[in-house]
Amino acid sequence: MMTYAMQQLSHQTDLNYLRRSRADLLFAAIAALSLGLCIYLIDRQPETAYLISNGLFLNDNVRPVFGVMGNYLPTFLHVYAFILLSAAVFAQSHRQVLIICLSWLIIEIIFEIAQINVIAQSLAIHIPDWFSVIPVVNNTADYFLMGTFDTLDIFSIIAGTLIAYITISLSSYLRSKPFICGAENSQH
């Protein structure tokens, strides 16, 4: 039987693990997004990114530094980073981590499929006119119409989701949470 002081120390230790784990997930997410940004700045043409100033791009039509992987790594890193960010901010349990992973998987795949030419054209004509005056969403139609559907991007999304789940599962964040046979343990 634990004394009150031991329970408080255990609870404080759990909170410290949780804070450190959330910080680790945030750091990993920011690092992944930074790598994705580097790929865009080094290997991509300015017209491929909406929120980046043309003057920042370093590509002078030379051989891509990241090679073929540079085509798919940003997709992988995007879903990976946003799952880690979402888990660090919102997840309190394994179930919530699974919901976050599946939600981002579905969102990313929908946006990839929406780049199929027939679907993109259909979506573009249904985008409201008022989107044109709102920064960030004002390029929604162009995202669909100028984007390119690629099956390998779907695989990148799936891989990013799986690796994000594994990263979170291996982090002390989830190890600090009791988890028995798929059900949360309510001892804490």
N, C-alpha and C. Protein backbone atom coordinates (compact mmCIF):
# COMPACT_ATOMS: atom_id res chain seq x y z
N MET A 1 0.83 -1.17 0.00
CA MET A 1 0.00 0.00 0.00
C MET A 1 0.88 1.24 0.00
N MET A 2 0.61 2.14 -0.96
CA MET A 2 1.42 3.34 -1.08
C MET A 2 0.94 4.41 -0.12
N THR A 3 1.90 5.10 0.45
CA THR A 3 1.54 6.23 1.30
C THR A 3 1.16 7.41 0.41
N TYR A 4 0.53 8.39 1.00
CA TYR A 4 0.11 9.57 0.25
C TYR A 4 1.31 10.26 -0.38
N ALA A 5 2.42 10.40 0.37
CA ALA A 5 3.64 11.06 -0.14
C ALA A 5 4.20 10.29 -1.34
N MET A 6 4.18 8.95 -1.27
CA MET A 6 4.69 8.14 -2.38
C MET A 6 3.79 8.30 -3.61
N GLN A 7 2.48 8.37 -3.39
CA GLN A 7 1.55 8.56 -4.50
C GLN A 7 1.78 9.91 -5.16
N GLN A 8 1.99 10.95 -4.34
CA GLN A 8 2.25 12.28 -4.89
C GLN A 8 3.55 12.31 -5.69
N LEU A 9 4.60 11.64 -5.17
CA LEU A 9 5.88 11.57 -5.87
C LEU A 9 5.72 10.81 -7.19
N SER A 10 4.98 9.72 -7.14
CA SER A 10 4.72 8.95 -8.35
C SER A 10 3.96 9.78 -9.37
N HIS A 11 2.94 10.51 -8.89
CA HIS A 11 2.14 11.37 -9.78
C HIS A 11 3.02 12.47 -10.38
N GLN A 12 3.89 13.09 -9.56
CA GLN A 12 4.78 14.15 -10.05
C GLN A 12 5.76 13.58 -11.07
N THR A 13 6.27 12.38 -10.84
CA THR A 13 7.17 11.73 -11.78
C THR A 13 6.45 11.48 -13.11
N ASP A 14 5.20 11.01 -13.05
CA ASP A 14 4.41 10.80 -14.26
C ASP A 14 4.22 12.10 -15.02
N LEU A 15 3.94 13.20 -14.29
CA LEU A 15 3.76 14.49 -14.94
C LEU A 15 5.05 14.96 -15.60
N ASN A 16 6.20 14.73 -14.93
CA ASN A 16 7.48 15.12 -15.51
C ASN A 16 7.76 14.33 -16.79
N TYR A 17 7.48 13.01 -16.78
CA TYR A 17 7.63 12.19 -17.99
C TYR A 17 6.73 12.71 -19.10
N LEU A 18 5.50 13.03 -18.73
CA LEU A 18 4.53 13.51 -19.71
C LEU A 18 5.00 14.82 -20.34
N ARG A 19 5.47 15.76 -19.51
CA ARG A 19 5.95 17.05 -20.04
C ARG A 19 7.15 16.84 -20.96
N ARG A 20 8.11 16.02 -20.51
CA ARG A 20 9.31 15.76 -21.32
C ARG A 20 8.93 15.06 -22.61
N SER A 21 8.01 14.12 -22.55
CA SER A 21 7.59 13.39 -23.74
C SER A 21 6.87 14.29 -24.72
N ARG A 22 6.02 15.15 -24.22
CA ARG A 22 5.33 16.10 -25.10
C ARG A 22 6.34 17.02 -25.78
N ALA A 23 7.33 17.48 -25.02
CA ALA A 23 8.38 18.33 -25.58
C ALA A 23 9.17 17.57 -26.64
N ASP A 24 9.47 16.30 -26.38
CA ASP A 24 10.19 15.48 -27.36
C ASP A 24 9.39 15.33 -28.64
N LEU A 25 8.08 15.10 -28.51
CA LEU A 25 7.22 14.96 -29.70
C LEU A 25 7.16 16.28 -30.47
N LEU A 26 7.05 17.39 -29.75
CA LEU A 26 7.03 18.70 -30.41
C LEU A 26 8.35 18.96 -31.13
N PHE A 27 9.46 18.63 -30.49
CA PHE A 27 10.77 18.82 -31.12
C PHE A 27 10.89 17.97 -32.38
N ALA A 28 10.48 16.70 -32.31
CA ALA A 28 10.54 15.82 -33.48
C ALA A 28 9.66 16.34 -34.61
N ALA A 29 8.48 16.86 -34.26
CA ALA A 29 7.57 17.41 -35.27
C ALA A 29 8.18 18.63 -35.94
N ILE A 30 8.75 19.52 -35.15
CA ILE A 30 9.36 20.73 -35.71
C ILE A 30 10.57 20.36 -36.58
N ALA A 31 11.35 19.37 -36.14
CA ALA A 31 12.48 18.91 -36.95
C ALA A 31 12.01 18.33 -38.28
N ALA A 32 10.93 17.56 -38.26
CA ALA A 32 10.38 16.97 -39.49
C ALA A 32 9.87 18.06 -40.43
N LEU A 33 9.15 19.04 -39.89
CA LEU A 33 8.66 20.14 -40.72
C LEU A 33 9.83 20.96 -41.28
N SER A 34 10.88 21.14 -40.50
CA SER A 34 12.06 21.87 -40.96
C SER A 34 12.75 21.13 -42.10
N LEU A 35 12.86 19.82 -41.98
CA LEU A 35 13.45 19.03 -43.06
C LEU A 35 12.60 19.14 -44.33
N GLY A 36 11.29 19.07 -44.17
CA GLY A 36 10.40 19.23 -45.32
C GLY A 36 10.58 20.59 -45.97
N LEU A 37 10.71 21.64 -45.16
CA LEU A 37 10.96 22.98 -45.69
C LEU A 37 12.28 23.02 -46.45
N CYS A 38 13.32 22.39 -45.90
CA CYS A 38 14.62 22.34 -46.59
C CYS A 38 14.49 21.66 -47.95
N ILE A 39 13.74 20.59 -48.01
CA ILE A 39 13.55 19.90 -49.29
C ILE A 39 12.91 20.84 -50.29
N TYR A 40 11.88 21.57 -49.87
CA TYR A 40 11.24 22.53 -50.77
C TYR A 40 12.22 23.61 -51.21
N LEU A 41 12.97 24.16 -50.28
CA LEU A 41 13.88 25.26 -50.61
C LEU A 41 15.04 24.82 -51.50
N ILE A 42 15.50 23.59 -51.34
CA ILE A 42 16.67 23.12 -52.07
C ILE A 42 16.29 22.43 -53.38
N ASP A 43 15.26 21.60 -53.36
CA ASP A 43 14.97 20.75 -54.51
C ASP A 43 13.76 21.15 -55.34
N ARG A 44 12.92 22.03 -54.86
CA ARG A 44 11.67 22.33 -55.56
C ARG A 44 11.73 23.69 -56.24
N GLN A 45 10.80 23.89 -57.16
CA GLN A 45 10.65 25.17 -57.84
C GLN A 45 9.73 26.07 -57.00
N PRO A 46 9.91 27.39 -57.06
CA PRO A 46 9.11 28.30 -56.23
C PRO A 46 7.60 28.14 -56.38
N GLU A 47 7.11 27.81 -57.55
CA GLU A 47 5.66 27.72 -57.75
C GLU A 47 5.05 26.50 -57.06
N THR A 48 5.86 25.64 -56.47
CA THR A 48 5.32 24.45 -55.82
C THR A 48 4.93 24.67 -54.36
N ALA A 49 5.25 25.84 -53.83
CA ALA A 49 4.93 26.10 -52.42
C ALA A 49 4.27 27.47 -52.28
N TYR A 50 3.18 27.51 -51.60
CA TYR A 50 2.38 28.72 -51.51
C TYR A 50 2.91 29.71 -50.47
N LEU A 51 3.30 29.26 -49.32
CA LEU A 51 3.63 30.16 -48.22
C LEU A 51 5.11 30.54 -48.13
N ILE A 52 5.90 30.19 -49.14
CA ILE A 52 7.34 30.46 -49.10
C ILE A 52 7.67 31.50 -50.17
N SER A 53 8.39 32.53 -49.78
CA SER A 53 8.80 33.58 -50.70
C SER A 53 9.71 33.01 -51.79
N ASN A 54 9.49 33.43 -53.03
CA ASN A 54 10.29 32.94 -54.16
C ASN A 54 11.78 33.18 -53.97
N GLY A 55 12.15 34.25 -53.29
CA GLY A 55 13.56 34.57 -53.08
C GLY A 55 14.30 33.60 -52.18
N LEU A 56 13.59 32.78 -51.45
CA LEU A 56 14.23 31.83 -50.54
C LEU A 56 14.64 30.52 -51.22
N PHE A 57 14.11 30.24 -52.39
CA PHE A 57 14.39 28.97 -53.05
C PHE A 57 15.81 28.95 -53.59
N LEU A 58 16.48 27.81 -53.42
CA LEU A 58 17.88 27.66 -53.83
C LEU A 58 18.04 26.84 -55.10
N ASN A 59 16.95 26.28 -55.62
CA ASN A 59 17.03 25.40 -56.78
C ASN A 59 17.28 26.22 -58.04
N ASP A 60 18.38 25.91 -58.70
CA ASP A 60 18.71 26.54 -59.98
C ASP A 60 18.65 25.51 -61.09
N ASN A 61 17.63 24.64 -61.02
CA ASN A 61 17.47 23.56 -62.00
C ASN A 61 18.67 22.63 -62.05
N VAL A 62 19.33 22.47 -60.92
CA VAL A 62 20.42 21.52 -60.82
C VAL A 62 19.86 20.19 -60.33
N ARG A 63 20.69 19.18 -60.33
CA ARG A 63 20.25 17.86 -59.88
C ARG A 63 19.77 17.95 -58.42
N PRO A 64 18.59 17.41 -58.15
CA PRO A 64 18.04 17.49 -56.79
C PRO A 64 18.96 16.84 -55.75
N VAL A 65 19.17 17.53 -54.65
CA VAL A 65 20.00 17.02 -53.56
C VAL A 65 19.38 15.77 -52.94
N PHE A 66 18.07 15.77 -52.80
CA PHE A 66 17.39 14.65 -52.14
C PHE A 66 16.98 13.56 -53.12
N GLY A 67 17.28 13.74 -54.39
CA GLY A 67 16.98 12.74 -55.41
C GLY A 67 15.49 12.45 -55.50
N VAL A 68 15.17 11.22 -55.87
CA VAL A 68 13.78 10.80 -56.02
C VAL A 68 13.04 10.88 -54.69
N MET A 69 13.74 10.64 -53.59
CA MET A 69 13.10 10.71 -52.27
C MET A 69 12.54 12.10 -52.00
N GLY A 70 13.13 13.13 -52.61
CA GLY A 70 12.64 14.49 -52.43
C GLY A 70 11.24 14.69 -52.97
N ASN A 71 10.79 13.78 -53.84
CA ASN A 71 9.42 13.85 -54.35
C ASN A 71 8.40 13.39 -53.33
N TYR A 72 8.80 12.49 -52.44
CA TYR A 72 7.84 11.83 -51.54
C TYR A 72 8.10 12.13 -50.07
N LEU A 73 9.31 12.51 -49.74
CA LEU A 73 9.64 12.79 -48.35
C LEU A 73 8.80 13.92 -47.74
N PRO A 74 8.53 15.02 -48.45
CA PRO A 74 7.68 16.06 -47.85
C PRO A 74 6.28 15.54 -47.46
N THR A 75 5.71 14.67 -48.26
CA THR A 75 4.40 14.10 -47.94
C THR A 75 4.50 13.26 -46.68
N PHE A 76 5.52 12.42 -46.61
CA PHE A 76 5.79 11.59 -45.43
C PHE A 76 5.96 12.48 -44.20
N LEU A 77 6.82 13.49 -44.32
CA LEU A 77 7.13 14.36 -43.19
C LEU A 77 5.93 15.18 -42.73
N HIS A 78 5.09 15.59 -43.67
CA HIS A 78 3.91 16.39 -43.33
C HIS A 78 2.97 15.61 -42.42
N VAL A 79 2.60 14.42 -42.83
CA VAL A 79 1.66 13.64 -42.01
C VAL A 79 2.34 13.22 -40.70
N TYR A 80 3.60 12.85 -40.75
CA TYR A 80 4.35 12.46 -39.56
C TYR A 80 4.36 13.62 -38.54
N ALA A 81 4.73 14.81 -39.00
CA ALA A 81 4.84 15.95 -38.10
C ALA A 81 3.49 16.36 -37.51
N PHE A 82 2.45 16.38 -38.35
CA PHE A 82 1.15 16.82 -37.84
C PHE A 82 0.53 15.81 -36.88
N ILE A 83 0.84 14.55 -37.05
CA ILE A 83 0.40 13.55 -36.06
C ILE A 83 1.13 13.77 -34.75
N LEU A 84 2.44 13.98 -34.79
CA LEU A 84 3.19 14.21 -33.56
C LEU A 84 2.72 15.48 -32.86
N LEU A 85 2.52 16.56 -33.63
CA LEU A 85 2.02 17.81 -33.03
C LEU A 85 0.65 17.60 -32.38
N SER A 86 -0.23 16.93 -33.09
CA SER A 86 -1.58 16.69 -32.56
C SER A 86 -1.54 15.83 -31.31
N ALA A 87 -0.71 14.80 -31.33
CA ALA A 87 -0.60 13.91 -30.16
C ALA A 87 -0.01 14.66 -28.97
N ALA A 88 1.00 15.48 -29.23
CA ALA A 88 1.64 16.22 -28.13
C ALA A 88 0.66 17.19 -27.48
N VAL A 89 -0.22 17.76 -28.27
CA VAL A 89 -1.15 18.76 -27.74
C VAL A 89 -2.42 18.14 -27.18
N PHE A 90 -2.95 17.11 -27.86
CA PHE A 90 -4.30 16.64 -27.52
C PHE A 90 -4.38 15.25 -26.89
N ALA A 91 -3.49 14.34 -27.23
CA ALA A 91 -3.66 12.94 -26.83
C ALA A 91 -3.44 12.72 -25.34
N GLN A 92 -4.37 12.02 -24.75
CA GLN A 92 -4.27 11.64 -23.34
C GLN A 92 -4.28 10.13 -23.18
N SER A 93 -4.44 9.40 -24.28
CA SER A 93 -4.53 7.94 -24.19
C SER A 93 -4.12 7.32 -25.51
N HIS A 94 -3.92 6.02 -25.49
CA HIS A 94 -3.62 5.28 -26.72
C HIS A 94 -4.76 5.40 -27.72
N ARG A 95 -5.96 5.36 -27.23
CA ARG A 95 -7.12 5.46 -28.11
C ARG A 95 -7.12 6.80 -28.85
N GLN A 96 -6.82 7.86 -28.14
CA GLN A 96 -6.77 9.18 -28.77
C GLN A 96 -5.64 9.27 -29.79
N VAL A 97 -4.52 8.63 -29.50
CA VAL A 97 -3.42 8.59 -30.47
C VAL A 97 -3.86 7.87 -31.74
N LEU A 98 -4.56 6.76 -31.59
CA LEU A 98 -5.07 6.04 -32.77
C LEU A 98 -6.06 6.91 -33.56
N ILE A 99 -6.92 7.61 -32.86
CA ILE A 99 -7.89 8.49 -33.53
C ILE A 99 -7.15 9.60 -34.29
N ILE A 100 -6.14 10.18 -33.67
CA ILE A 100 -5.34 11.23 -34.33
C ILE A 100 -4.66 10.66 -35.57
N CYS A 101 -4.04 9.50 -35.44
CA CYS A 101 -3.35 8.88 -36.58
C CYS A 101 -4.32 8.59 -37.72
N LEU A 102 -5.44 7.99 -37.40
CA LEU A 102 -6.41 7.67 -38.45
C LEU A 102 -7.03 8.93 -39.07
N SER A 103 -7.25 9.94 -38.26
CA SER A 103 -7.81 11.19 -38.78
C SER A 103 -6.87 11.84 -39.79
N TRP A 104 -5.59 11.95 -39.42
CA TRP A 104 -4.63 12.55 -40.34
C TRP A 104 -4.42 11.68 -41.57
N LEU A 105 -4.43 10.38 -41.41
CA LEU A 105 -4.31 9.47 -42.56
C LEU A 105 -5.44 9.74 -43.56
N ILE A 106 -6.66 9.81 -43.06
CA ILE A 106 -7.83 10.04 -43.92
C ILE A 106 -7.76 11.42 -44.57
N ILE A 107 -7.45 12.45 -43.80
CA ILE A 107 -7.36 13.82 -44.34
C ILE A 107 -6.33 13.89 -45.45
N GLU A 108 -5.15 13.36 -45.19
CA GLU A 108 -4.06 13.43 -46.18
C GLU A 108 -4.41 12.65 -47.45
N ILE A 109 -5.00 11.49 -47.29
CA ILE A 109 -5.37 10.68 -48.47
C ILE A 109 -6.47 11.38 -49.26
N ILE A 110 -7.44 11.97 -48.58
CA ILE A 110 -8.50 12.71 -49.28
C ILE A 110 -7.89 13.85 -50.10
N PHE A 111 -6.96 14.60 -49.51
CA PHE A 111 -6.35 15.70 -50.24
C PHE A 111 -5.49 15.21 -51.41
N GLU A 112 -4.89 14.06 -51.26
CA GLU A 112 -4.11 13.49 -52.38
C GLU A 112 -5.05 13.04 -53.50
N ILE A 113 -6.10 12.33 -53.15
CA ILE A 113 -7.06 11.86 -54.15
C ILE A 113 -7.74 13.05 -54.83
N ALA A 114 -7.94 14.13 -54.10
CA ALA A 114 -8.58 15.32 -54.67
C ALA A 114 -7.74 15.95 -55.77
N GLN A 115 -6.50 15.54 -55.93
CA GLN A 115 -5.65 16.07 -56.99
C GLN A 115 -5.80 15.29 -58.30
N ILE A 116 -6.58 14.23 -58.29
CA ILE A 116 -6.88 13.52 -59.54
C ILE A 116 -7.64 14.50 -60.42
N ASN A 117 -7.23 14.63 -61.65
CA ASN A 117 -7.72 15.68 -62.55
C ASN A 117 -9.24 15.83 -62.56
N VAL A 118 -9.98 14.76 -62.76
CA VAL A 118 -11.45 14.83 -62.83
C VAL A 118 -12.02 15.33 -61.51
N ILE A 119 -11.50 14.83 -60.41
CA ILE A 119 -11.99 15.23 -59.08
C ILE A 119 -11.60 16.69 -58.81
N ALA A 120 -10.36 17.05 -59.15
CA ALA A 120 -9.87 18.41 -58.93
C ALA A 120 -10.72 19.44 -59.67
N GLN A 121 -11.06 19.14 -60.91
CA GLN A 121 -11.88 20.08 -61.68
C GLN A 121 -13.27 20.23 -61.07
N SER A 122 -13.82 19.13 -60.63
CA SER A 122 -15.14 19.17 -60.00
C SER A 122 -15.10 19.96 -58.69
N LEU A 123 -14.08 19.76 -57.90
CA LEU A 123 -13.95 20.48 -56.63
C LEU A 123 -13.73 21.97 -56.86
N ALA A 124 -12.87 22.30 -57.83
CA ALA A 124 -12.49 23.69 -58.06
C ALA A 124 -13.71 24.56 -58.39
N ILE A 125 -14.65 24.02 -59.14
CA ILE A 125 -15.82 24.84 -59.50
C ILE A 125 -16.78 25.02 -58.34
N HIS A 126 -16.62 24.23 -57.28
CA HIS A 126 -17.49 24.33 -56.11
C HIS A 126 -16.87 25.11 -54.95
N ILE A 127 -15.67 25.60 -55.14
CA ILE A 127 -15.03 26.38 -54.07
C ILE A 127 -15.66 27.76 -54.05
N PRO A 128 -16.13 28.19 -52.89
CA PRO A 128 -16.84 29.48 -52.81
C PRO A 128 -15.94 30.66 -53.20
N ASP A 129 -16.54 31.67 -53.80
CA ASP A 129 -15.81 32.87 -54.21
C ASP A 129 -15.15 33.58 -53.04
N TRP A 130 -15.78 33.55 -51.88
CA TRP A 130 -15.23 34.27 -50.73
C TRP A 130 -13.91 33.68 -50.25
N PHE A 131 -13.54 32.47 -50.68
CA PHE A 131 -12.22 31.91 -50.34
C PHE A 131 -11.11 32.80 -50.90
N SER A 132 -11.37 33.49 -52.00
CA SER A 132 -10.34 34.28 -52.68
C SER A 132 -9.84 35.45 -51.84
N VAL A 133 -10.57 35.87 -50.83
CA VAL A 133 -10.14 37.00 -50.00
C VAL A 133 -9.52 36.57 -48.67
N ILE A 134 -9.44 35.28 -48.43
CA ILE A 134 -8.89 34.78 -47.16
C ILE A 134 -7.50 34.20 -47.42
N PRO A 135 -6.47 34.79 -46.78
CA PRO A 135 -5.12 34.24 -46.95
C PRO A 135 -5.09 32.75 -46.59
N VAL A 136 -4.24 32.03 -47.21
CA VAL A 136 -4.00 30.59 -47.08
C VAL A 136 -5.04 29.78 -47.87
N VAL A 137 -6.33 30.01 -47.66
CA VAL A 137 -7.34 29.24 -48.40
C VAL A 137 -7.62 29.83 -49.78
N ASN A 138 -7.06 31.02 -50.06
CA ASN A 138 -7.31 31.64 -51.36
C ASN A 138 -6.71 30.85 -52.52
N ASN A 139 -5.83 29.92 -52.25
CA ASN A 139 -5.22 29.09 -53.30
C ASN A 139 -5.77 27.67 -53.30
N THR A 140 -6.90 27.46 -52.69
CA THR A 140 -7.47 26.12 -52.59
C THR A 140 -7.70 25.50 -53.96
N ALA A 141 -8.32 26.22 -54.86
CA ALA A 141 -8.59 25.68 -56.20
C ALA A 141 -7.29 25.34 -56.90
N ASP A 142 -6.28 26.22 -56.80
CA ASP A 142 -4.99 25.95 -57.44
C ASP A 142 -4.32 24.71 -56.85
N TYR A 143 -4.49 24.51 -55.54
CA TYR A 143 -3.91 23.31 -54.92
C TYR A 143 -4.42 22.06 -55.63
N PHE A 144 -5.71 22.00 -55.84
CA PHE A 144 -6.29 20.82 -56.49
C PHE A 144 -5.93 20.77 -57.97
N LEU A 145 -6.06 21.90 -58.66
CA LEU A 145 -5.87 21.92 -60.11
C LEU A 145 -4.40 21.78 -60.52
N MET A 146 -3.50 22.35 -59.73
CA MET A 146 -2.07 22.33 -60.09
C MET A 146 -1.34 21.15 -59.45
N GLY A 147 -1.98 20.52 -58.46
CA GLY A 147 -1.36 19.38 -57.80
C GLY A 147 -1.36 18.15 -58.70
N THR A 148 -0.54 17.20 -58.33
CA THR A 148 -0.43 15.97 -59.10
C THR A 148 -0.69 14.78 -58.20
N PHE A 149 -1.68 14.00 -58.54
CA PHE A 149 -1.93 12.77 -57.79
C PHE A 149 -0.81 11.79 -58.07
N ASP A 150 -0.32 11.15 -57.02
CA ASP A 150 0.73 10.14 -57.17
C ASP A 150 0.47 9.03 -56.16
N THR A 151 0.37 7.81 -56.67
CA THR A 151 0.13 6.65 -55.80
C THR A 151 1.23 6.53 -54.75
N LEU A 152 2.46 6.88 -55.12
CA LEU A 152 3.55 6.79 -54.14
C LEU A 152 3.38 7.79 -53.00
N ASP A 153 2.67 8.88 -53.25
CA ASP A 153 2.35 9.80 -52.15
C ASP A 153 1.40 9.12 -51.16
N ILE A 154 0.49 8.30 -51.66
CA ILE A 154 -0.41 7.55 -50.77
C ILE A 154 0.42 6.63 -49.87
N PHE A 155 1.40 5.95 -50.47
CA PHE A 155 2.28 5.09 -49.67
C PHE A 155 3.10 5.91 -48.67
N SER A 156 3.52 7.11 -49.07
CA SER A 156 4.25 8.00 -48.15
C SER A 156 3.38 8.40 -46.97
N ILE A 157 2.11 8.67 -47.25
CA ILE A 157 1.17 9.04 -46.20
C ILE A 157 0.98 7.87 -45.23
N ILE A 158 0.80 6.68 -45.76
CA ILE A 158 0.63 5.50 -44.91
C ILE A 158 1.88 5.26 -44.08
N ALA A 159 3.05 5.35 -44.72
CA ALA A 159 4.32 5.14 -44.00
C ALA A 159 4.51 6.20 -42.93
N GLY A 160 4.22 7.47 -43.24
CA GLY A 160 4.35 8.54 -42.26
C GLY A 160 3.44 8.34 -41.06
N THR A 161 2.23 7.86 -41.33
CA THR A 161 1.28 7.58 -40.26
C THR A 161 1.79 6.45 -39.36
N LEU A 162 2.26 5.38 -39.97
CA LEU A 162 2.76 4.24 -39.19
C LEU A 162 3.99 4.61 -38.37
N ILE A 163 4.92 5.34 -38.98
CA ILE A 163 6.13 5.73 -38.26
C ILE A 163 5.79 6.72 -37.14
N ALA A 164 4.83 7.59 -37.37
CA ALA A 164 4.41 8.51 -36.30
C ALA A 164 3.82 7.72 -35.13
N TYR A 165 2.97 6.75 -35.44
CA TYR A 165 2.39 5.94 -34.37
C TYR A 165 3.48 5.20 -33.59
N ILE A 166 4.43 4.64 -34.32
CA ILE A 166 5.55 3.93 -33.66
C ILE A 166 6.36 4.90 -32.82
N THR A 167 6.64 6.08 -33.35
CA THR A 167 7.40 7.09 -32.59
C THR A 167 6.70 7.43 -31.28
N ILE A 168 5.40 7.67 -31.36
CA ILE A 168 4.64 8.02 -30.15
C ILE A 168 4.61 6.84 -29.19
N SER A 169 4.41 5.65 -29.73
CA SER A 169 4.34 4.45 -28.89
C SER A 169 5.65 4.18 -28.16
N LEU A 170 6.75 4.47 -28.83
CA LEU A 170 8.06 4.23 -28.21
C LEU A 170 8.50 5.36 -27.30
N SER A 171 7.82 6.49 -27.40
CA SER A 171 8.19 7.62 -26.55
C SER A 171 7.76 7.34 -25.11
N SER A 172 8.40 8.00 -24.22
CA SER A 172 8.02 7.81 -22.82
C SER A 172 6.63 8.36 -22.55
N TYR A 173 6.10 9.15 -23.49
CA TYR A 173 4.75 9.68 -23.33
C TYR A 173 3.74 8.56 -23.14
N LEU A 174 3.74 7.59 -24.04
CA LEU A 174 2.77 6.51 -23.89
C LEU A 174 3.25 5.47 -22.88
N ARG A 175 4.56 5.33 -22.73
CA ARG A 175 5.03 4.38 -21.72
C ARG A 175 4.66 4.83 -20.32
N SER A 176 4.47 6.14 -20.15
CA SER A 176 4.07 6.65 -18.83
C SER A 176 2.57 6.46 -18.59
N LYS A 177 1.84 6.06 -19.63
CA LYS A 177 0.40 5.82 -19.52
C LYS A 177 0.15 4.33 -19.37
N PRO A 178 -0.57 3.92 -18.35
CA PRO A 178 -0.89 2.49 -18.20
C PRO A 178 -1.72 2.01 -19.39
N PHE A 179 -1.37 0.85 -19.90
CA PHE A 179 -2.05 0.31 -21.07
C PHE A 179 -2.03 -1.22 -20.98
N ILE A 180 -3.20 -1.81 -20.77
CA ILE A 180 -3.27 -3.26 -20.61
C ILE A 180 -4.29 -3.81 -21.59
N CYS A 181 -3.86 -4.69 -22.46
CA CYS A 181 -4.73 -5.39 -23.41
C CYS A 181 -5.67 -4.44 -24.16
N GLY A 182 -5.15 -3.28 -24.56
CA GLY A 182 -5.95 -2.37 -25.36
C GLY A 182 -6.92 -1.51 -24.57
N ALA A 183 -6.99 -1.67 -23.27
CA ALA A 183 -7.90 -0.86 -22.45
C ALA A 183 -7.08 -0.01 -21.51
N GLU A 184 -7.50 1.22 -21.27
CA GLU A 184 -6.81 2.08 -20.33
C GLU A 184 -6.95 1.53 -18.91
N ASN A 185 -5.89 1.59 -18.16
CA ASN A 185 -5.91 1.15 -16.78
C ASN A 185 -6.17 2.39 -15.92
N SER A 186 -7.11 2.34 -15.06
CA SER A 186 -7.51 3.55 -14.30
C SER A 186 -6.85 3.63 -12.93
N GLN A 187 -5.65 3.07 -12.76
CA GLN A 187 -4.97 3.14 -11.47
C GLN A 187 -4.42 4.53 -11.18
N HIS A 188 -4.20 5.35 -12.19
CA HIS A 188 -3.62 6.68 -11.96
C HIS A 188 -4.67 7.71 -11.80
